[in-house]
Amino acid sequence: METLANCCITMTEVLRGRAISQANELAFVFLDHRGEVADQRTFATLDANARSIACALAARGLRGERIMLAFPPGLDFVAALFGCLYAGCVAVPVPHLIGNRARDRCAAIFHDCKPAAVMTVSQLEGDAEIRSAIRSASTDVGWIHVDATDPAPQEWVPPSVDPHDLALLQYTSGSTSAARGVMLTHANLIANNIMVRDAFGHDRKLRGVG
């Protein structure tokens, strides 16, 4: 079964290929607590979002840097993740939690990975838990709002990315010890996606719910 995942060697190539071959097909749908559609992105829209975010990162000279992703549940996180990959940056996702444990975990991850910037949505920069965690680690970090980036990027230049380049740092839960970052390359992510596809028999018509 030949698919894009077989011929692409980076996650950037996967989305770019989908944006060309399946431009108007839905890539992601986000449901609210009532099960109603709150947001949705086609492959073409997600690709445009990612290029816009990548341009914002490049304009700040952040290519190759670690970027912390602090988002509430929703598709802005997905766009930010691919935006980092499109910019050749290393994404560092942190969970959107509430309370002292969330603040402490976010601060610990920040101390460990030392990100060059924190990416979020405008409304969340004012979140007391997030700001408290970041302030306890650094007062000099830049903030990037994905909902304030240029929606029609013109100057995106695809980065030179090797499949063995680091794509993201995935931190453990920290429930039994300090959270530890696991280094995942583009090749790791491609291999994992292929393994999941083969195990579950995915095809283009399948719709998954998570």
N, C-alpha and C. Protein backbone atom coordinates (compact mmCIF):
# COMPACT_ATOMS: atom_id res chain seq x y z
N MET A 1 0.85 -1.19 0.00
CA MET A 1 0.00 0.00 0.00
C MET A 1 0.89 1.24 0.00
N GLU A 2 1.09 1.86 -1.13
CA GLU A 2 1.96 3.01 -1.27
C GLU A 2 1.22 4.28 -0.88
N THR A 3 1.73 5.01 0.09
CA THR A 3 1.12 6.26 0.51
C THR A 3 2.21 7.30 0.68
N LEU A 4 1.78 8.52 0.99
CA LEU A 4 2.75 9.59 1.21
C LEU A 4 3.72 9.24 2.32
N ALA A 5 3.23 8.53 3.35
CA ALA A 5 4.11 8.19 4.46
C ALA A 5 5.24 7.28 4.03
N ASN A 6 5.07 6.53 2.91
CA ASN A 6 6.12 5.66 2.43
C ASN A 6 7.20 6.43 1.69
N CYS A 7 6.81 7.52 1.00
CA CYS A 7 7.77 8.21 0.15
C CYS A 7 8.30 9.50 0.77
N CYS A 8 7.69 9.97 1.87
CA CYS A 8 8.15 11.18 2.54
C CYS A 8 9.10 10.81 3.67
N ILE A 9 10.10 11.65 3.88
CA ILE A 9 11.09 11.34 4.90
C ILE A 9 11.03 12.31 6.08
N THR A 10 10.20 13.34 5.98
CA THR A 10 9.99 14.25 7.10
C THR A 10 8.51 14.55 7.23
N MET A 11 8.10 14.98 8.42
CA MET A 11 6.70 15.33 8.62
C MET A 11 6.31 16.55 7.81
N THR A 12 7.26 17.42 7.55
CA THR A 12 7.00 18.59 6.70
C THR A 12 6.58 18.15 5.32
N GLU A 13 7.27 17.17 4.76
CA GLU A 13 6.93 16.68 3.43
C GLU A 13 5.56 16.02 3.42
N VAL A 14 5.19 15.36 4.52
CA VAL A 14 3.88 14.71 4.58
C VAL A 14 2.77 15.74 4.43
N LEU A 15 2.81 16.80 5.24
CA LEU A 15 1.74 17.80 5.17
C LEU A 15 1.77 18.55 3.84
N ARG A 16 2.95 18.88 3.35
CA ARG A 16 3.04 19.56 2.06
C ARG A 16 2.43 18.70 0.96
N GLY A 17 2.69 17.40 1.00
CA GLY A 17 2.13 16.50 0.00
C GLY A 17 0.62 16.42 0.10
N ARG A 18 0.10 16.35 1.33
CA ARG A 18 -1.35 16.30 1.51
C ARG A 18 -2.00 17.61 1.05
N ALA A 19 -1.33 18.72 1.29
CA ALA A 19 -1.89 20.02 0.89
C ALA A 19 -2.01 20.14 -0.62
N ILE A 20 -1.21 19.38 -1.33
CA ILE A 20 -1.27 19.39 -2.79
C ILE A 20 -2.29 18.36 -3.30
N SER A 21 -2.21 17.13 -2.78
CA SER A 21 -3.04 16.05 -3.31
C SER A 21 -4.44 15.99 -2.71
N GLN A 22 -4.61 16.54 -1.49
CA GLN A 22 -5.91 16.48 -0.81
C GLN A 22 -6.26 17.85 -0.23
N ALA A 23 -6.00 18.89 -0.98
CA ALA A 23 -6.07 20.26 -0.47
C ALA A 23 -7.34 20.58 0.29
N ASN A 24 -8.50 20.20 -0.24
CA ASN A 24 -9.77 20.62 0.35
C ASN A 24 -10.40 19.57 1.26
N GLU A 25 -9.68 18.48 1.50
CA GLU A 25 -10.18 17.46 2.42
C GLU A 25 -9.87 17.87 3.85
N LEU A 26 -10.76 17.52 4.77
CA LEU A 26 -10.55 17.85 6.17
C LEU A 26 -9.39 17.06 6.75
N ALA A 27 -8.50 17.78 7.41
CA ALA A 27 -7.39 17.14 8.10
C ALA A 27 -7.73 16.90 9.56
N PHE A 28 -8.30 17.94 10.22
CA PHE A 28 -8.65 17.85 11.63
C PHE A 28 -9.96 18.58 11.90
N VAL A 29 -10.73 18.01 12.81
CA VAL A 29 -11.95 18.66 13.30
C VAL A 29 -11.88 18.64 14.82
N PHE A 30 -12.16 19.78 15.46
CA PHE A 30 -12.15 19.85 16.91
C PHE A 30 -13.58 20.04 17.42
N LEU A 31 -14.00 19.16 18.33
CA LEU A 31 -15.34 19.22 18.90
C LEU A 31 -15.31 19.84 20.29
N ASP A 32 -16.33 20.65 20.60
CA ASP A 32 -16.41 21.23 21.93
C ASP A 32 -17.01 20.23 22.91
N HIS A 33 -17.25 20.66 24.15
CA HIS A 33 -17.73 19.74 25.18
C HIS A 33 -19.13 19.22 24.90
N ARG A 34 -19.84 19.85 23.97
CA ARG A 34 -21.18 19.36 23.59
C ARG A 34 -21.13 18.45 22.37
N GLY A 35 -19.93 18.26 21.83
CA GLY A 35 -19.80 17.45 20.63
C GLY A 35 -20.06 18.20 19.35
N GLU A 36 -20.14 19.54 19.44
CA GLU A 36 -20.36 20.38 18.26
C GLU A 36 -19.00 20.78 17.65
N VAL A 37 -18.99 20.98 16.35
CA VAL A 37 -17.75 21.38 15.67
C VAL A 37 -17.37 22.80 16.09
N ALA A 38 -16.21 22.92 16.75
CA ALA A 38 -15.72 24.23 17.19
C ALA A 38 -14.68 24.79 16.24
N ASP A 39 -13.99 23.92 15.52
CA ASP A 39 -12.95 24.36 14.59
C ASP A 39 -12.66 23.21 13.64
N GLN A 40 -12.23 23.54 12.44
CA GLN A 40 -11.81 22.51 11.50
C GLN A 40 -10.80 23.10 10.52
N ARG A 41 -9.90 22.26 10.05
CA ARG A 41 -8.87 22.70 9.12
C ARG A 41 -8.73 21.69 8.00
N THR A 42 -8.74 22.18 6.77
CA THR A 42 -8.39 21.32 5.64
C THR A 42 -6.87 21.19 5.59
N PHE A 43 -6.40 20.28 4.76
CA PHE A 43 -4.94 20.15 4.61
C PHE A 43 -4.34 21.44 4.07
N ALA A 44 -5.04 22.09 3.13
CA ALA A 44 -4.52 23.34 2.57
C ALA A 44 -4.49 24.44 3.63
N THR A 45 -5.54 24.52 4.45
CA THR A 45 -5.58 25.54 5.50
C THR A 45 -4.50 25.30 6.53
N LEU A 46 -4.33 24.05 6.95
CA LEU A 46 -3.30 23.72 7.93
C LEU A 46 -1.92 24.03 7.39
N ASP A 47 -1.70 23.74 6.12
CA ASP A 47 -0.42 24.06 5.48
C ASP A 47 -0.17 25.56 5.47
N ALA A 48 -1.20 26.35 5.14
CA ALA A 48 -1.05 27.81 5.15
C ALA A 48 -0.78 28.33 6.56
N ASN A 49 -1.49 27.76 7.55
CA ASN A 49 -1.25 28.14 8.95
C ASN A 49 0.19 27.87 9.33
N ALA A 50 0.68 26.69 8.96
CA ALA A 50 2.04 26.30 9.33
C ALA A 50 3.07 27.20 8.67
N ARG A 51 2.85 27.55 7.40
CA ARG A 51 3.80 28.44 6.71
C ARG A 51 3.81 29.83 7.35
N SER A 52 2.63 30.30 7.74
CA SER A 52 2.54 31.60 8.39
C SER A 52 3.33 31.62 9.70
N ILE A 53 3.15 30.58 10.50
CA ILE A 53 3.86 30.49 11.78
C ILE A 53 5.36 30.33 11.54
N ALA A 54 5.73 29.55 10.54
CA ALA A 54 7.15 29.36 10.23
C ALA A 54 7.79 30.69 9.83
N CYS A 55 7.07 31.50 9.08
CA CYS A 55 7.60 32.81 8.69
C CYS A 55 7.82 33.69 9.92
N ALA A 56 6.88 33.63 10.86
CA ALA A 56 7.02 34.42 12.08
C ALA A 56 8.23 33.97 12.89
N LEU A 57 8.47 32.67 12.94
CA LEU A 57 9.64 32.15 13.65
C LEU A 57 10.93 32.56 12.95
N ALA A 58 10.95 32.45 11.62
CA ALA A 58 12.14 32.81 10.86
C ALA A 58 12.45 34.30 10.99
N ALA A 59 11.39 35.12 10.99
CA ALA A 59 11.58 36.57 11.10
C ALA A 59 12.23 36.95 12.43
N ARG A 60 12.06 36.12 13.43
CA ARG A 60 12.66 36.37 14.74
C ARG A 60 14.00 35.68 14.90
N GLY A 61 14.49 35.07 13.83
CA GLY A 61 15.78 34.40 13.87
C GLY A 61 15.79 33.16 14.74
N LEU A 62 14.67 32.44 14.78
CA LEU A 62 14.53 31.30 15.69
C LEU A 62 14.71 29.95 15.01
N ARG A 63 15.07 29.93 13.77
CA ARG A 63 15.24 28.64 13.07
C ARG A 63 16.27 27.79 13.83
N GLY A 64 15.90 26.53 14.09
CA GLY A 64 16.78 25.61 14.79
C GLY A 64 16.65 25.67 16.31
N GLU A 65 15.89 26.64 16.82
CA GLU A 65 15.75 26.79 18.27
C GLU A 65 14.61 25.94 18.82
N ARG A 66 14.60 25.78 20.15
CA ARG A 66 13.51 25.08 20.83
C ARG A 66 12.39 26.09 21.13
N ILE A 67 11.16 25.69 20.81
CA ILE A 67 10.00 26.55 21.01
C ILE A 67 8.98 25.81 21.89
N MET A 68 8.66 26.41 23.04
CA MET A 68 7.67 25.79 23.92
C MET A 68 6.26 26.09 23.39
N LEU A 69 5.43 25.06 23.30
CA LEU A 69 4.05 25.21 22.82
C LEU A 69 3.11 25.06 24.00
N ALA A 70 2.48 26.17 24.41
CA ALA A 70 1.56 26.18 25.55
C ALA A 70 0.18 26.57 25.06
N PHE A 71 -0.67 25.57 24.83
CA PHE A 71 -1.97 25.81 24.21
C PHE A 71 -3.09 25.13 24.98
N PRO A 72 -4.27 25.74 24.96
CA PRO A 72 -5.46 25.02 25.42
C PRO A 72 -5.83 23.99 24.35
N PRO A 73 -6.71 23.04 24.66
CA PRO A 73 -7.12 22.08 23.64
C PRO A 73 -7.69 22.78 22.41
N GLY A 74 -7.27 22.31 21.22
CA GLY A 74 -7.75 22.93 19.99
C GLY A 74 -6.76 22.76 18.86
N LEU A 75 -7.14 23.25 17.69
CA LEU A 75 -6.33 23.04 16.49
C LEU A 75 -5.23 24.06 16.31
N ASP A 76 -5.21 25.13 17.11
CA ASP A 76 -4.08 26.05 17.06
C ASP A 76 -2.79 25.33 17.45
N PHE A 77 -2.91 24.37 18.36
CA PHE A 77 -1.73 23.59 18.74
C PHE A 77 -1.17 22.82 17.55
N VAL A 78 -2.07 22.19 16.79
CA VAL A 78 -1.63 21.40 15.63
C VAL A 78 -0.91 22.30 14.62
N ALA A 79 -1.49 23.48 14.37
CA ALA A 79 -0.86 24.43 13.45
C ALA A 79 0.50 24.87 13.97
N ALA A 80 0.60 25.10 15.28
CA ALA A 80 1.87 25.54 15.86
C ALA A 80 2.92 24.45 15.76
N LEU A 81 2.50 23.21 15.99
CA LEU A 81 3.44 22.09 15.88
C LEU A 81 4.03 22.01 14.48
N PHE A 82 3.14 22.04 13.47
CA PHE A 82 3.65 21.99 12.09
C PHE A 82 4.40 23.27 11.72
N GLY A 83 4.00 24.40 12.30
CA GLY A 83 4.73 25.63 12.06
C GLY A 83 6.16 25.52 12.51
N CYS A 84 6.38 24.90 13.66
CA CYS A 84 7.75 24.68 14.15
C CYS A 84 8.52 23.78 13.18
N LEU A 85 7.87 22.71 12.73
CA LEU A 85 8.54 21.81 11.79
C LEU A 85 8.85 22.52 10.48
N TYR A 86 7.93 23.37 10.02
CA TYR A 86 8.15 24.12 8.78
C TYR A 86 9.27 25.14 8.92
N ALA A 87 9.58 25.53 10.15
CA ALA A 87 10.65 26.51 10.38
C ALA A 87 11.97 25.84 10.74
N GLY A 88 11.97 24.51 10.83
CA GLY A 88 13.19 23.83 11.24
C GLY A 88 13.46 24.01 12.71
N CYS A 89 12.42 24.30 13.50
CA CYS A 89 12.55 24.47 14.95
C CYS A 89 12.23 23.15 15.65
N VAL A 90 12.54 23.10 16.93
CA VAL A 90 12.22 21.93 17.75
C VAL A 90 11.03 22.30 18.63
N ALA A 91 9.91 21.61 18.46
CA ALA A 91 8.71 21.88 19.25
C ALA A 91 8.81 21.21 20.61
N VAL A 92 8.38 21.94 21.63
CA VAL A 92 8.35 21.39 23.00
C VAL A 92 6.94 21.57 23.55
N PRO A 93 6.05 20.61 23.34
CA PRO A 93 4.66 20.75 23.83
C PRO A 93 4.60 20.61 25.35
N VAL A 94 3.76 21.42 25.98
CA VAL A 94 3.47 21.26 27.41
C VAL A 94 1.96 21.14 27.55
N PRO A 95 1.49 20.33 28.49
CA PRO A 95 0.04 20.12 28.63
C PRO A 95 -0.63 21.34 29.22
N HIS A 96 -1.89 21.51 28.85
CA HIS A 96 -2.68 22.61 29.42
C HIS A 96 -3.38 22.07 30.66
N LEU A 97 -2.78 22.32 31.81
CA LEU A 97 -3.31 21.84 33.08
C LEU A 97 -3.59 23.02 33.99
N ILE A 98 -4.22 22.75 35.11
CA ILE A 98 -4.58 23.81 36.06
C ILE A 98 -4.04 23.45 37.44
N GLY A 99 -3.54 24.45 38.16
CA GLY A 99 -3.11 24.24 39.53
C GLY A 99 -1.61 24.29 39.71
N ASN A 100 -1.16 24.08 40.95
CA ASN A 100 0.25 24.19 41.28
C ASN A 100 1.10 23.16 40.54
N ARG A 101 0.56 21.94 40.41
CA ARG A 101 1.34 20.90 39.73
C ARG A 101 1.60 21.29 38.28
N ALA A 102 0.60 21.88 37.63
CA ALA A 102 0.77 22.31 36.25
C ALA A 102 1.83 23.40 36.16
N ARG A 103 1.77 24.36 37.07
CA ARG A 103 2.75 25.44 37.06
C ARG A 103 4.15 24.91 37.29
N ASP A 104 4.28 24.00 38.27
CA ASP A 104 5.60 23.46 38.59
C ASP A 104 6.16 22.63 37.44
N ARG A 105 5.28 21.85 36.79
CA ARG A 105 5.76 21.02 35.69
C ARG A 105 6.19 21.88 34.51
N CYS A 106 5.40 22.91 34.20
CA CYS A 106 5.73 23.81 33.11
C CYS A 106 7.07 24.51 33.38
N ALA A 107 7.26 24.95 34.61
CA ALA A 107 8.52 25.62 34.98
C ALA A 107 9.69 24.66 34.87
N ALA A 108 9.49 23.40 35.30
CA ALA A 108 10.57 22.42 35.25
C ALA A 108 10.98 22.13 33.80
N ILE A 109 9.98 22.01 32.92
CA ILE A 109 10.27 21.77 31.51
C ILE A 109 11.01 22.96 30.91
N PHE A 110 10.55 24.17 31.26
CA PHE A 110 11.21 25.38 30.77
C PHE A 110 12.67 25.40 31.20
N HIS A 111 12.94 25.12 32.48
CA HIS A 111 14.31 25.11 32.99
C HIS A 111 15.16 24.08 32.25
N ASP A 112 14.56 22.92 31.95
CA ASP A 112 15.32 21.83 31.35
C ASP A 112 15.65 22.09 29.89
N CYS A 113 14.68 22.56 29.12
CA CYS A 113 14.90 22.69 27.66
C CYS A 113 15.36 24.07 27.24
N LYS A 114 15.16 25.08 28.11
CA LYS A 114 15.59 26.45 27.82
C LYS A 114 15.13 26.91 26.43
N PRO A 115 13.82 27.02 26.22
CA PRO A 115 13.32 27.41 24.90
C PRO A 115 13.64 28.86 24.58
N ALA A 116 13.75 29.14 23.29
CA ALA A 116 14.03 30.51 22.84
C ALA A 116 12.78 31.36 22.86
N ALA A 117 11.59 30.73 22.84
CA ALA A 117 10.33 31.47 22.83
C ALA A 117 9.22 30.54 23.30
N VAL A 118 8.13 31.17 23.72
CA VAL A 118 6.91 30.44 24.07
C VAL A 118 5.85 30.81 23.05
N MET A 119 5.26 29.80 22.44
CA MET A 119 4.21 30.03 21.45
C MET A 119 2.87 29.65 22.05
N THR A 120 1.86 30.51 21.84
CA THR A 120 0.55 30.28 22.41
C THR A 120 -0.47 31.09 21.63
N VAL A 121 -1.67 31.19 22.14
CA VAL A 121 -2.70 32.09 21.59
C VAL A 121 -2.79 33.31 22.49
N SER A 122 -3.27 34.40 21.95
CA SER A 122 -3.28 35.68 22.68
C SER A 122 -3.94 35.56 24.04
N GLN A 123 -5.06 34.86 24.11
CA GLN A 123 -5.81 34.79 25.36
C GLN A 123 -5.06 34.05 26.45
N LEU A 124 -4.16 33.13 26.07
CA LEU A 124 -3.51 32.30 27.07
C LEU A 124 -2.27 32.95 27.66
N GLU A 125 -1.71 33.96 26.98
CA GLU A 125 -0.53 34.62 27.55
C GLU A 125 -0.88 35.24 28.90
N GLY A 126 -2.14 35.61 29.07
CA GLY A 126 -2.56 36.18 30.33
C GLY A 126 -2.93 35.15 31.38
N ASP A 127 -2.85 33.86 31.03
CA ASP A 127 -3.18 32.80 31.98
C ASP A 127 -2.21 32.85 33.17
N ALA A 128 -2.76 32.96 34.36
CA ALA A 128 -1.94 33.15 35.55
C ALA A 128 -0.97 31.99 35.77
N GLU A 129 -1.43 30.75 35.55
CA GLU A 129 -0.57 29.60 35.79
C GLU A 129 0.62 29.60 34.82
N ILE A 130 0.33 29.84 33.54
CA ILE A 130 1.39 29.84 32.54
C ILE A 130 2.39 30.95 32.81
N ARG A 131 1.90 32.16 33.02
CA ARG A 131 2.81 33.29 33.25
C ARG A 131 3.63 33.10 34.51
N SER A 132 3.02 32.54 35.55
CA SER A 132 3.75 32.29 36.79
C SER A 132 4.87 31.29 36.56
N ALA A 133 4.57 30.22 35.81
CA ALA A 133 5.58 29.20 35.54
C ALA A 133 6.73 29.77 34.72
N ILE A 134 6.41 30.54 33.69
CA ILE A 134 7.45 31.09 32.82
C ILE A 134 8.27 32.15 33.57
N ARG A 135 7.59 32.98 34.36
CA ARG A 135 8.29 34.03 35.11
C ARG A 135 9.27 33.43 36.11
N SER A 136 8.89 32.28 36.69
CA SER A 136 9.78 31.65 37.67
C SER A 136 11.03 31.09 37.02
N ALA A 137 10.97 30.87 35.70
CA ALA A 137 12.10 30.32 34.98
C ALA A 137 12.89 31.39 34.23
N SER A 138 12.20 32.40 33.71
CA SER A 138 12.87 33.43 32.92
C SER A 138 11.97 34.65 32.78
N THR A 139 12.59 35.80 32.77
CA THR A 139 11.83 37.04 32.52
C THR A 139 12.15 37.59 31.15
N ASP A 140 12.95 36.85 30.39
CA ASP A 140 13.45 37.38 29.13
C ASP A 140 13.02 36.56 27.92
N VAL A 141 12.02 35.72 28.07
CA VAL A 141 11.59 34.87 26.96
C VAL A 141 10.60 35.63 26.08
N GLY A 142 10.67 35.40 24.77
CA GLY A 142 9.73 36.02 23.85
C GLY A 142 8.45 35.21 23.74
N TRP A 143 7.36 35.91 23.44
CA TRP A 143 6.06 35.26 23.26
C TRP A 143 5.63 35.44 21.81
N ILE A 144 5.11 34.38 21.22
CA ILE A 144 4.60 34.42 19.85
C ILE A 144 3.15 33.95 19.87
N HIS A 145 2.25 34.76 19.33
CA HIS A 145 0.83 34.41 19.28
C HIS A 145 0.49 33.92 17.88
N VAL A 146 0.06 32.67 17.78
CA VAL A 146 -0.25 32.12 16.46
C VAL A 146 -1.44 32.81 15.82
N ASP A 147 -2.34 33.37 16.64
CA ASP A 147 -3.51 34.03 16.10
C ASP A 147 -3.22 35.47 15.69
N ALA A 148 -1.93 35.86 15.77
CA ALA A 148 -1.56 37.21 15.34
C ALA A 148 -0.53 37.16 14.21
N THR A 149 -0.30 35.99 13.65
CA THR A 149 0.64 35.87 12.54
C THR A 149 -0.06 36.20 11.22
N ASP A 150 0.72 36.52 10.20
CA ASP A 150 0.20 36.87 8.88
C ASP A 150 -0.54 35.67 8.30
N PRO A 151 -1.83 35.79 8.01
CA PRO A 151 -2.58 34.64 7.50
C PRO A 151 -2.23 34.27 6.07
N ALA A 152 -1.49 35.12 5.37
CA ALA A 152 -1.14 34.83 3.98
C ALA A 152 0.37 35.01 3.78
N PRO A 153 1.17 34.09 4.30
CA PRO A 153 2.62 34.23 4.19
C PRO A 153 3.09 34.17 2.74
N GLN A 154 4.05 35.02 2.40
CA GLN A 154 4.54 35.08 1.03
C GLN A 154 5.98 34.60 0.89
N GLU A 155 6.74 34.65 1.97
CA GLU A 155 8.18 34.45 1.86
C GLU A 155 8.68 33.20 2.56
N TRP A 156 7.81 32.21 2.73
CA TRP A 156 8.27 31.00 3.41
C TRP A 156 9.29 30.26 2.57
N VAL A 157 10.42 29.93 3.18
CA VAL A 157 11.47 29.15 2.53
C VAL A 157 11.59 27.82 3.26
N PRO A 158 11.32 26.71 2.58
CA PRO A 158 11.40 25.42 3.26
C PRO A 158 12.80 25.19 3.83
N PRO A 159 12.89 24.78 5.09
CA PRO A 159 14.20 24.53 5.68
C PRO A 159 14.81 23.25 5.14
N SER A 160 16.11 23.16 5.22
CA SER A 160 16.80 21.93 4.86
C SER A 160 16.75 21.01 6.08
N VAL A 161 15.89 19.98 6.00
CA VAL A 161 15.67 19.11 7.14
C VAL A 161 16.04 17.68 6.78
N ASP A 162 16.85 17.08 7.62
CA ASP A 162 17.24 15.68 7.48
C ASP A 162 16.28 14.83 8.31
N PRO A 163 15.95 13.61 7.86
CA PRO A 163 15.03 12.79 8.64
C PRO A 163 15.52 12.50 10.06
N HIS A 164 16.81 12.61 10.29
CA HIS A 164 17.35 12.35 11.62
C HIS A 164 17.50 13.62 12.45
N ASP A 165 17.01 14.75 11.91
CA ASP A 165 17.00 15.98 12.68
C ASP A 165 15.92 15.90 13.77
N LEU A 166 16.19 16.55 14.88
CA LEU A 166 15.23 16.57 15.99
C LEU A 166 13.98 17.34 15.58
N ALA A 167 12.82 16.75 15.81
CA ALA A 167 11.55 17.39 15.47
C ALA A 167 10.87 17.95 16.72
N LEU A 168 10.87 17.16 17.80
CA LEU A 168 10.23 17.66 19.02
C LEU A 168 10.80 16.97 20.25
N LEU A 169 10.64 17.65 21.38
CA LEU A 169 10.95 17.08 22.68
C LEU A 169 9.62 16.75 23.35
N GLN A 170 9.39 15.47 23.62
CA GLN A 170 8.15 15.04 24.27
C GLN A 170 8.48 14.69 25.72
N TYR A 171 7.96 15.48 26.65
CA TYR A 171 8.28 15.26 28.06
C TYR A 171 7.35 14.25 28.70
N THR A 172 7.93 13.45 29.59
CA THR A 172 7.15 12.48 30.34
C THR A 172 6.24 13.21 31.32
N SER A 173 5.30 12.50 31.92
CA SER A 173 4.28 13.13 32.76
C SER A 173 4.87 13.72 34.03
N GLY A 174 5.98 13.17 34.51
CA GLY A 174 6.55 13.68 35.75
C GLY A 174 5.78 13.25 36.98
N SER A 175 4.91 12.23 36.84
CA SER A 175 4.07 11.82 37.97
C SER A 175 4.86 11.04 39.02
N THR A 176 5.92 10.35 38.61
CA THR A 176 6.72 9.57 39.57
C THR A 176 8.12 10.12 39.75
N SER A 177 8.55 11.00 38.88
CA SER A 177 9.86 11.64 38.99
C SER A 177 9.83 12.91 38.15
N ALA A 178 10.93 13.62 38.10
CA ALA A 178 10.98 14.84 37.29
C ALA A 178 10.69 14.52 35.83
N ALA A 179 9.94 15.40 35.18
CA ALA A 179 9.63 15.19 33.76
C ALA A 179 10.92 15.14 32.95
N ARG A 180 11.01 14.21 32.04
CA ARG A 180 12.21 14.04 31.22
C ARG A 180 11.85 14.16 29.75
N GLY A 181 12.68 14.85 29.01
CA GLY A 181 12.42 15.05 27.60
C GLY A 181 12.91 13.89 26.75
N VAL A 182 12.04 13.38 25.89
CA VAL A 182 12.39 12.32 24.95
C VAL A 182 12.59 12.98 23.59
N MET A 183 13.76 12.76 22.98
CA MET A 183 14.09 13.38 21.70
C MET A 183 13.50 12.56 20.56
N LEU A 184 12.64 13.16 19.76
CA LEU A 184 12.00 12.49 18.64
C LEU A 184 12.39 13.18 17.34
N THR A 185 12.91 12.40 16.41
CA THR A 185 13.31 12.93 15.11
C THR A 185 12.16 12.80 14.12
N HIS A 186 12.32 13.42 12.96
CA HIS A 186 11.33 13.25 11.89
C HIS A 186 11.19 11.77 11.54
N ALA A 187 12.31 11.07 11.50
CA ALA A 187 12.28 9.64 11.17
C ALA A 187 11.50 8.86 12.22
N ASN A 188 11.65 9.22 13.50
CA ASN A 188 10.87 8.56 14.55
C ASN A 188 9.38 8.74 14.33
N LEU A 189 8.97 9.98 14.02
CA LEU A 189 7.55 10.28 13.84
C LEU A 189 6.99 9.56 12.61
N ILE A 190 7.76 9.54 11.51
CA ILE A 190 7.31 8.83 10.31
C ILE A 190 7.16 7.35 10.61
N ALA A 191 8.15 6.76 11.27
CA ALA A 191 8.11 5.33 11.59
C ALA A 191 6.92 5.01 12.48
N ASN A 192 6.64 5.86 13.46
CA ASN A 192 5.52 5.62 14.36
C ASN A 192 4.19 5.69 13.61
N ASN A 193 4.07 6.67 12.72
CA ASN A 193 2.83 6.79 11.94
C ASN A 193 2.61 5.59 11.03
N ILE A 194 3.68 5.10 10.42
CA ILE A 194 3.57 3.92 9.56
C ILE A 194 3.17 2.69 10.38
N MET A 195 3.75 2.56 11.57
CA MET A 195 3.44 1.42 12.43
C MET A 195 1.97 1.45 12.85
N VAL A 196 1.47 2.63 13.23
CA VAL A 196 0.06 2.77 13.62
C VAL A 196 -0.85 2.46 12.43
N ARG A 197 -0.49 3.01 11.26
CA ARG A 197 -1.29 2.75 10.05
C ARG A 197 -1.38 1.26 9.75
N ASP A 198 -0.23 0.58 9.80
CA ASP A 198 -0.21 -0.84 9.46
C ASP A 198 -0.97 -1.67 10.50
N ALA A 199 -0.86 -1.28 11.78
CA ALA A 199 -1.50 -2.05 12.84
C ALA A 199 -3.02 -1.93 12.78
N PHE A 200 -3.52 -0.76 12.42
CA PHE A 200 -4.96 -0.52 12.43
C PHE A 200 -5.60 -0.57 11.04
N GLY A 201 -4.78 -0.71 10.00
CA GLY A 201 -5.33 -0.79 8.66
C GLY A 201 -5.90 0.52 8.16
N HIS A 202 -5.27 1.62 8.50
CA HIS A 202 -5.77 2.94 8.07
C HIS A 202 -5.76 3.08 6.56
N ASP A 203 -6.72 3.80 6.05
CA ASP A 203 -6.70 4.24 4.65
C ASP A 203 -7.23 5.66 4.60
N ARG A 204 -7.35 6.24 3.39
CA ARG A 204 -7.74 7.65 3.24
C ARG A 204 -9.17 7.91 3.70
N LYS A 205 -9.99 6.88 3.79
CA LYS A 205 -11.39 7.08 4.17
C LYS A 205 -11.60 7.01 5.68
N LEU A 206 -10.61 6.58 6.42
CA LEU A 206 -10.78 6.41 7.85
C LEU A 206 -10.86 7.74 8.58
N ARG A 207 -11.72 7.84 9.58
CA ARG A 207 -11.81 8.99 10.46
C ARG A 207 -11.55 8.53 11.89
N GLY A 208 -10.55 9.10 12.52
CA GLY A 208 -10.21 8.71 13.88
C GLY A 208 -10.72 9.74 14.88
N VAL A 209 -11.08 9.25 16.07
CA VAL A 209 -11.52 10.14 17.16
C VAL A 209 -10.59 9.92 18.34
N GLY A 210 -10.05 11.02 18.87
CA GLY A 210 -9.12 10.91 19.99
C GLY A 210 -9.58 11.77 21.14
